[in-house]
Amino acid sequence: MNFFLACSPDTICTRTDSFKVDPVPQGCCVLLVTNGDGRGADEVSIYEISLNNEKVILSDRSRNARAQVRMRSANTLTVRLTGKPNSKIFVLIAYDPSKSK
């Protein structure tokens, strides 16, 4: 889980986070996004999320989003976002055992 802050209301900024997963679960995972604080405050204007150079959530403004993703042993999460000062999104990648079949 990580959160990403917007840079400016007028400019799209890019934030990245690299992480490792060992071992990689079969059929893994689900990526969940919460825009803002979860109660309607501090939301970014727009965001886009890529994992390992593959876009998984495109130009979204919604408060919550989710996407099935495949993990590697070494991963890079890239978030492009725009918003007012203190606006943020939270990104969580979790194991989804129902997809491991």
C-alpha atoms as a PDB file:
ATOM      1  CA  MET A   1       0.000   0.000   0.000  1.00  0.00           C
ATOM      2  CA  ASN A   2       1.239   3.461  -0.829  1.00  0.00           C
ATOM      3  CA  PHE A   3      -0.179   6.932  -1.281  1.00  0.00           C
ATOM      4  CA  PHE A   4       0.730   9.418  -3.981  1.00  0.00           C
ATOM      5  CA  LEU A   5       0.377  13.204  -3.674  1.00  0.00           C
ATOM      6  CA  ALA A   6      -0.537  15.446  -6.599  1.00  0.00           C
ATOM      7  CA  CYS A   7       1.967  18.126  -7.638  1.00  0.00           C
ATOM      8  CA  SER A   8      -0.222  20.896  -9.024  1.00  0.00           C
ATOM      9  CA  PRO A   9      -3.805  21.564 -10.110  1.00  0.00           C
ATOM     10  CA  ASP A  10      -2.537  22.625 -13.558  1.00  0.00           C
ATOM     11  CA  THR A  11       0.150  20.044 -14.311  1.00  0.00           C
ATOM     12  CA  ILE A  12       0.130  16.263 -14.577  1.00  0.00           C
ATOM     13  CA  CYS A  13       2.910  14.797 -12.483  1.00  0.00           C
ATOM     14  CA  THR A  14       4.295  11.283 -12.445  1.00  0.00           C
ATOM     15  CA  ARG A  15       5.108   9.335  -9.276  1.00  0.00           C
ATOM     16  CA  THR A  16       6.717   5.908  -9.242  1.00  0.00           C
ATOM     17  CA  ASP A  17       7.321   3.177  -6.702  1.00  0.00           C
ATOM     18  CA  SER A  18       9.363   0.015  -7.252  1.00  0.00           C
ATOM     19  CA  PHE A  19       8.894  -3.105  -5.148  1.00  0.00           C
ATOM     20  CA  LYS A  20       9.627  -6.827  -5.128  1.00  0.00           C
ATOM     21  CA  VAL A  21       7.335  -9.794  -4.584  1.00  0.00           C
ATOM     22  CA  ASP A  22       8.923 -13.131  -3.710  1.00  0.00           C
ATOM     23  CA  PRO A  23       7.483 -15.585  -4.381  1.00  0.00           C
ATOM     24  CA  VAL A  24       4.909 -14.309  -6.865  1.00  0.00           C
ATOM     25  CA  PRO A  25       1.528 -15.896  -6.057  1.00  0.00           C
ATOM     26  CA  GLN A  26      -0.122 -17.681  -8.978  1.00  0.00           C
ATOM     27  CA  GLY A  27      -3.048 -15.726 -10.411  1.00  0.00           C
ATOM     28  CA  CYS A  28      -2.258 -12.709  -8.240  1.00  0.00           C
ATOM     29  CA  CYS A  29      -3.563  -9.812  -7.676  1.00  0.00           C
ATOM     30  CA  VAL A  30      -6.079  -7.002  -7.443  1.00  0.00           C
ATOM     31  CA  LEU A  31      -5.093  -3.327  -7.485  1.00  0.00           C
ATOM     32  CA  LEU A  32      -7.425  -1.070  -5.488  1.00  0.00           C
ATOM     33  CA  VAL A  33      -7.489   2.737  -5.610  1.00  0.00           C
ATOM     34  CA  THR A  34      -9.053   5.186  -3.179  1.00  0.00           C
ATOM     35  CA  ASN A  35      -9.152   8.778  -4.399  1.00  0.00           C
ATOM     36  CA  GLY A  36      -8.670  11.228  -1.530  1.00  0.00           C
ATOM     37  CA  ASP A  37      -9.311  10.403   2.095  1.00  0.00           C
ATOM     38  CA  GLY A  38     -12.187   8.006   1.352  1.00  0.00           C
ATOM     39  CA  ARG A  39     -14.765  10.499   2.622  1.00  0.00           C
ATOM     40  CA  GLY A  40     -14.827  12.889  -0.341  1.00  0.00           C
ATOM     41  CA  ALA A  41     -11.983  15.217   0.667  1.00  0.00           C
ATOM     42  CA  ASP A  42      -8.478  15.654  -0.803  1.00  0.00           C
ATOM     43  CA  GLU A  43      -9.401  13.966  -4.100  1.00  0.00           C
ATOM     44  CA  VAL A  44      -7.189  14.371  -7.161  1.00  0.00           C
ATOM     45  CA  SER A  45      -8.778  15.713 -10.345  1.00  0.00           C
ATOM     46  CA  ILE A  46      -7.659  12.815 -12.524  1.00  0.00           C
ATOM     47  CA  TYR A  47      -5.318   9.831 -12.260  1.00  0.00           C
ATOM     48  CA  GLU A  48      -3.902   7.051 -14.396  1.00  0.00           C
ATOM     49  CA  ILE A  49      -2.092   3.964 -13.104  1.00  0.00           C
ATOM     50  CA  SER A  50       0.378   1.628 -14.820  1.00  0.00           C
ATOM     51  CA  LEU A  51       2.070  -1.476 -13.488  1.00  0.00           C
ATOM     52  CA  ASN A  52       5.246  -2.629 -15.227  1.00  0.00           C
ATOM     53  CA  ASN A  53       4.572  -0.245 -18.140  1.00  0.00           C
ATOM     54  CA  GLU A  54       1.076  -1.666 -18.693  1.00  0.00           C
ATOM     55  CA  LYS A  55      -1.805   0.763 -18.126  1.00  0.00           C
ATOM     56  CA  VAL A  56      -4.277  -0.774 -15.682  1.00  0.00           C
ATOM     57  CA  ILE A  57      -6.507   2.223 -14.861  1.00  0.00           C
ATOM     58  CA  LEU A  58      -6.934   4.879 -17.547  1.00  0.00           C
ATOM     59  CA  SER A  59      -7.772   8.537 -16.904  1.00  0.00           C
ATOM     60  CA  ASP A  60     -10.127   8.017 -14.003  1.00  0.00           C
ATOM     61  CA  ARG A  61     -11.787  10.491 -11.631  1.00  0.00           C
ATOM     62  CA  SER A  62     -13.812   8.043  -9.585  1.00  0.00           C
ATOM     63  CA  ARG A  63     -13.537   7.788  -5.828  1.00  0.00           C
ATOM     64  CA  ASN A  64     -12.726   4.053  -6.006  1.00  0.00           C
ATOM     65  CA  ALA A  65     -11.349   1.855  -8.769  1.00  0.00           C
ATOM     66  CA  ARG A  66     -10.045  -1.684  -9.098  1.00  0.00           C
ATOM     67  CA  ALA A  67      -8.230  -3.783 -11.673  1.00  0.00           C
ATOM     68  CA  GLN A  68      -6.861  -7.310 -11.890  1.00  0.00           C
ATOM     69  CA  VAL A  69      -3.062  -7.231 -12.276  1.00  0.00           C
ATOM     70  CA  ARG A  70      -0.254  -9.717 -12.749  1.00  0.00           C
ATOM     71  CA  MET A  71       2.779  -9.353 -10.540  1.00  0.00           C
ATOM     72  CA  ARG A  72       6.420 -10.036 -11.329  1.00  0.00           C
ATOM     73  CA  SER A  73       9.247 -10.582  -8.900  1.00  0.00           C
ATOM     74  CA  ALA A  74      10.367  -6.947  -9.588  1.00  0.00           C
ATOM     75  CA  ASN A  75       7.580  -4.388 -10.186  1.00  0.00           C
ATOM     76  CA  THR A  76       7.232  -0.697 -10.938  1.00  0.00           C
ATOM     77  CA  LEU A  77       4.008   1.162 -10.196  1.00  0.00           C
ATOM     78  CA  THR A  78       3.594   4.455 -12.081  1.00  0.00           C
ATOM     79  CA  VAL A  79       0.905   6.973 -11.145  1.00  0.00           C
ATOM     80  CA  ARG A  80       0.112  10.078 -13.193  1.00  0.00           C
ATOM     81  CA  LEU A  81      -2.133  12.537 -11.395  1.00  0.00           C
ATOM     82  CA  THR A  82      -3.347  16.112 -11.203  1.00  0.00           C
ATOM     83  CA  GLY A  83      -4.912  17.839  -8.221  1.00  0.00           C
ATOM     84  CA  LYS A  84      -4.927  20.599  -5.657  1.00  0.00           C
ATOM     85  CA  PRO A  85      -2.331  20.729  -2.861  1.00  0.00           C
ATOM     86  CA  ASN A  86      -2.811  17.856  -0.366  1.00  0.00           C
ATOM     87  CA  SER A  87      -4.903  15.854  -2.860  1.00  0.00           C
ATOM     88  CA  LYS A  88      -3.865  12.210  -3.027  1.00  0.00           C
ATOM     89  CA  ILE A  89      -4.723   8.676  -4.027  1.00  0.00           C
ATOM     90  CA  PHE A  90      -4.075   5.483  -2.097  1.00  0.00           C
ATOM     91  CA  VAL A  91      -3.067   2.385  -4.053  1.00  0.00           C
ATOM     92  CA  LEU A  92      -3.236  -1.098  -2.565  1.00  0.00           C
ATOM     93  CA  ILE A  93      -2.198  -4.297  -4.334  1.00  0.00           C
ATOM     94  CA  ALA A  94      -3.584  -7.371  -2.626  1.00  0.00           C
ATOM     95  CA  TYR A  95      -3.521 -11.105  -3.217  1.00  0.00           C
ATOM     96  CA  ASP A  96      -6.831 -12.380  -4.581  1.00  0.00           C
ATOM     97  CA  PRO A  97      -7.060 -16.112  -3.743  1.00  0.00           C
ATOM     98  CA  SER A  98     -10.154 -16.542  -5.952  1.00  0.00           C
ATOM     99  CA  LYS A  99      -7.926 -15.861  -9.008  1.00  0.00           C
ATOM    100  CA  SER A 100      -5.301 -18.473  -8.084  1.00  0.00           C
ATOM    101  CA  LYS A 101      -7.144 -21.374  -9.750  1.00  0.00           C
END
